[in-house]
N, C-alpha and C. Protein backbone atom coordinates (compact mmCIF):
# COMPACT_ATOMS: atom_id res chain seq x y z
N MET A 1 103.01 84.86 85.76
CA MET A 1 104.25 85.09 86.96
C MET A 1 104.02 84.55 88.11
N SER A 2 105.11 84.01 88.90
CA SER A 2 104.88 83.41 89.89
C SER A 2 104.91 84.18 91.09
N LEU A 3 104.62 83.63 92.27
CA LEU A 3 104.26 84.29 93.34
C LEU A 3 105.43 84.93 94.08
N THR A 4 106.63 84.35 93.88
CA THR A 4 107.87 84.95 94.25
C THR A 4 108.35 86.09 93.58
N SER A 5 107.88 86.22 92.12
CA SER A 5 108.41 87.15 91.42
C SER A 5 107.44 88.36 91.73
N LEU A 6 106.23 88.07 91.87
CA LEU A 6 105.26 89.15 92.35
C LEU A 6 105.76 89.69 93.74
N THR A 7 106.08 88.93 94.38
CA THR A 7 106.82 89.37 95.96
C THR A 7 107.93 90.39 95.58
N ILE A 8 108.86 90.16 94.65
CA ILE A 8 110.12 90.76 94.63
C ILE A 8 109.77 92.09 93.87
N ILE A 9 108.86 92.18 92.93
CA ILE A 9 108.63 93.34 92.31
C ILE A 9 107.96 94.28 93.17
N ALA A 10 107.13 93.69 93.99
CA ALA A 10 106.14 94.72 94.96
C ALA A 10 107.17 95.05 96.05
N ALA A 11 108.22 94.47 96.55
CA ALA A 11 109.01 94.62 97.41
C ALA A 11 110.07 95.81 96.67
N GLU A 12 110.47 95.95 95.45
CA GLU A 12 111.21 96.82 94.79
C GLU A 12 110.45 98.12 94.44
N ALA A 13 109.03 97.92 94.43
CA ALA A 13 108.35 99.06 93.92
C ALA A 13 108.00 99.77 95.01
N HIS A 14 108.11 99.50 96.38
CA HIS A 14 108.03 100.17 97.75
C HIS A 14 108.65 101.59 97.54
N SER A 15 107.92 102.57 97.93
CA SER A 15 108.55 103.65 98.10
C SER A 15 108.11 104.59 99.47
N GLU A 16 108.64 105.78 99.65
CA GLU A 16 108.06 106.45 100.70
C GLU A 16 106.80 107.24 100.35
N PRO A 17 106.06 107.37 101.61
CA PRO A 17 104.79 108.09 101.23
C PRO A 17 104.80 109.32 100.77
N ALA A 18 104.07 110.04 100.08
CA ALA A 18 104.06 111.17 99.48
C ALA A 18 104.13 112.14 100.95
N VAL A 19 103.16 112.07 101.70
CA VAL A 19 103.11 112.61 103.00
C VAL A 19 103.40 111.79 104.23
N SER A 20 104.29 112.53 104.93
CA SER A 20 104.71 111.67 106.09
C SER A 20 103.67 111.59 107.25
N PRO A 21 103.56 110.27 107.67
CA PRO A 21 102.39 110.08 108.69
C PRO A 21 102.62 110.92 109.97
N TYR A 22 103.62 111.30 110.19
CA TYR A 22 103.88 112.34 111.25
C TYR A 22 103.14 113.73 111.01
N VAL A 23 103.22 114.10 110.02
CA VAL A 23 102.78 115.48 109.42
C VAL A 23 101.03 115.40 109.49
N VAL A 24 100.77 114.10 109.02
CA VAL A 24 99.19 113.96 109.23
C VAL A 24 98.64 113.75 110.76
N GLY A 25 99.37 113.05 111.24
CA GLY A 25 99.08 112.91 112.83
C GLY A 25 99.12 114.32 113.61
N ALA A 26 100.10 115.09 113.17
CA ALA A 26 100.22 116.65 113.84
C ALA A 26 99.09 117.25 113.28
N ILE A 27 98.79 117.30 112.05
CA ILE A 27 97.47 118.12 111.73
C ILE A 27 96.35 117.73 112.35
N ALA A 28 96.22 116.21 112.75
CA ALA A 28 94.99 115.74 113.24
C ALA A 28 94.96 116.29 114.71
N LEU A 29 96.28 116.20 115.36
CA LEU A 29 96.00 116.70 116.79
C LEU A 29 95.80 117.91 117.00
N GLY A 30 96.47 118.95 115.96
CA GLY A 30 96.24 120.25 116.02
C GLY A 30 94.78 120.52 115.88
N LEU A 31 94.16 119.86 114.90
CA LEU A 31 92.51 120.27 114.51
C LEU A 31 91.74 119.80 115.99
N LEU A 32 92.01 118.41 116.32
CA LEU A 32 91.46 118.23 117.64
C LEU A 32 91.81 119.23 118.77
N LEU A 33 92.71 119.62 119.20
CA LEU A 33 93.06 120.74 120.23
C LEU A 33 92.49 121.93 119.88
N ALA A 34 92.36 122.46 118.56
CA ALA A 34 91.66 123.55 118.45
C ALA A 34 90.16 123.48 118.63
N SER A 35 89.69 122.42 118.33
CA SER A 35 88.20 122.29 118.52
C SER A 35 88.05 122.12 119.96
N LEU A 36 88.78 121.50 120.61
CA LEU A 36 88.54 121.33 122.11
C LEU A 36 88.67 122.80 122.97
N LEU A 37 89.63 123.60 122.40
CA LEU A 37 89.65 124.99 122.99
C LEU A 37 88.60 125.82 122.60
N ILE A 38 88.03 125.62 121.38
CA ILE A 38 86.98 126.41 120.88
C ILE A 38 85.44 125.80 121.87
N LEU A 39 85.29 124.46 121.87
CA LEU A 39 84.40 124.15 122.97
C LEU A 39 84.51 124.56 124.31
N ILE A 40 85.72 124.72 124.94
CA ILE A 40 85.65 125.19 126.05
C ILE A 40 85.55 126.79 126.19
N ALA A 41 86.03 127.48 125.32
CA ALA A 41 85.71 128.72 125.14
C ALA A 41 84.31 129.25 125.25
N ILE A 42 83.32 128.23 124.30
CA ILE A 42 82.09 128.57 123.96
C ILE A 42 81.21 128.02 125.21
N GLY A 43 81.50 126.80 125.74
CA GLY A 43 80.62 126.33 126.97
C GLY A 43 81.26 126.63 128.29
N GLY A 44 81.99 127.60 128.38
CA GLY A 44 82.83 127.99 129.63
C GLY A 44 82.02 128.79 130.60
N GLY A 45 81.29 129.66 129.98
CA GLY A 45 80.47 130.73 130.83
C GLY A 45 79.08 130.19 131.15
N ARG A 46 78.61 128.83 130.65
CA ARG A 46 77.12 128.52 130.83
C ARG A 46 77.07 127.96 132.46
N GLU A 47 75.67 128.39 132.90
CA GLU A 47 75.68 127.53 134.01
C GLU A 47 75.06 126.22 133.82
N HIS A 48 75.38 125.43 134.85
CA HIS A 48 74.95 123.98 134.85
C HIS A 48 73.29 123.95 135.39
N SER A 49 72.58 123.18 134.68
CA SER A 49 71.30 123.15 135.18
C SER A 49 70.78 121.72 135.99
């Protein structure tokens, strides 16, 4: 197969991802915000040394 035919086949085989990148980003953001809130809740009452 030539390079052009491989390029055409690869372009035609391209499809949408199974999970949207926005969903993955929203889940990651939610986990980071939840861990930040837990960190603030646990460390908020400690005195500074």
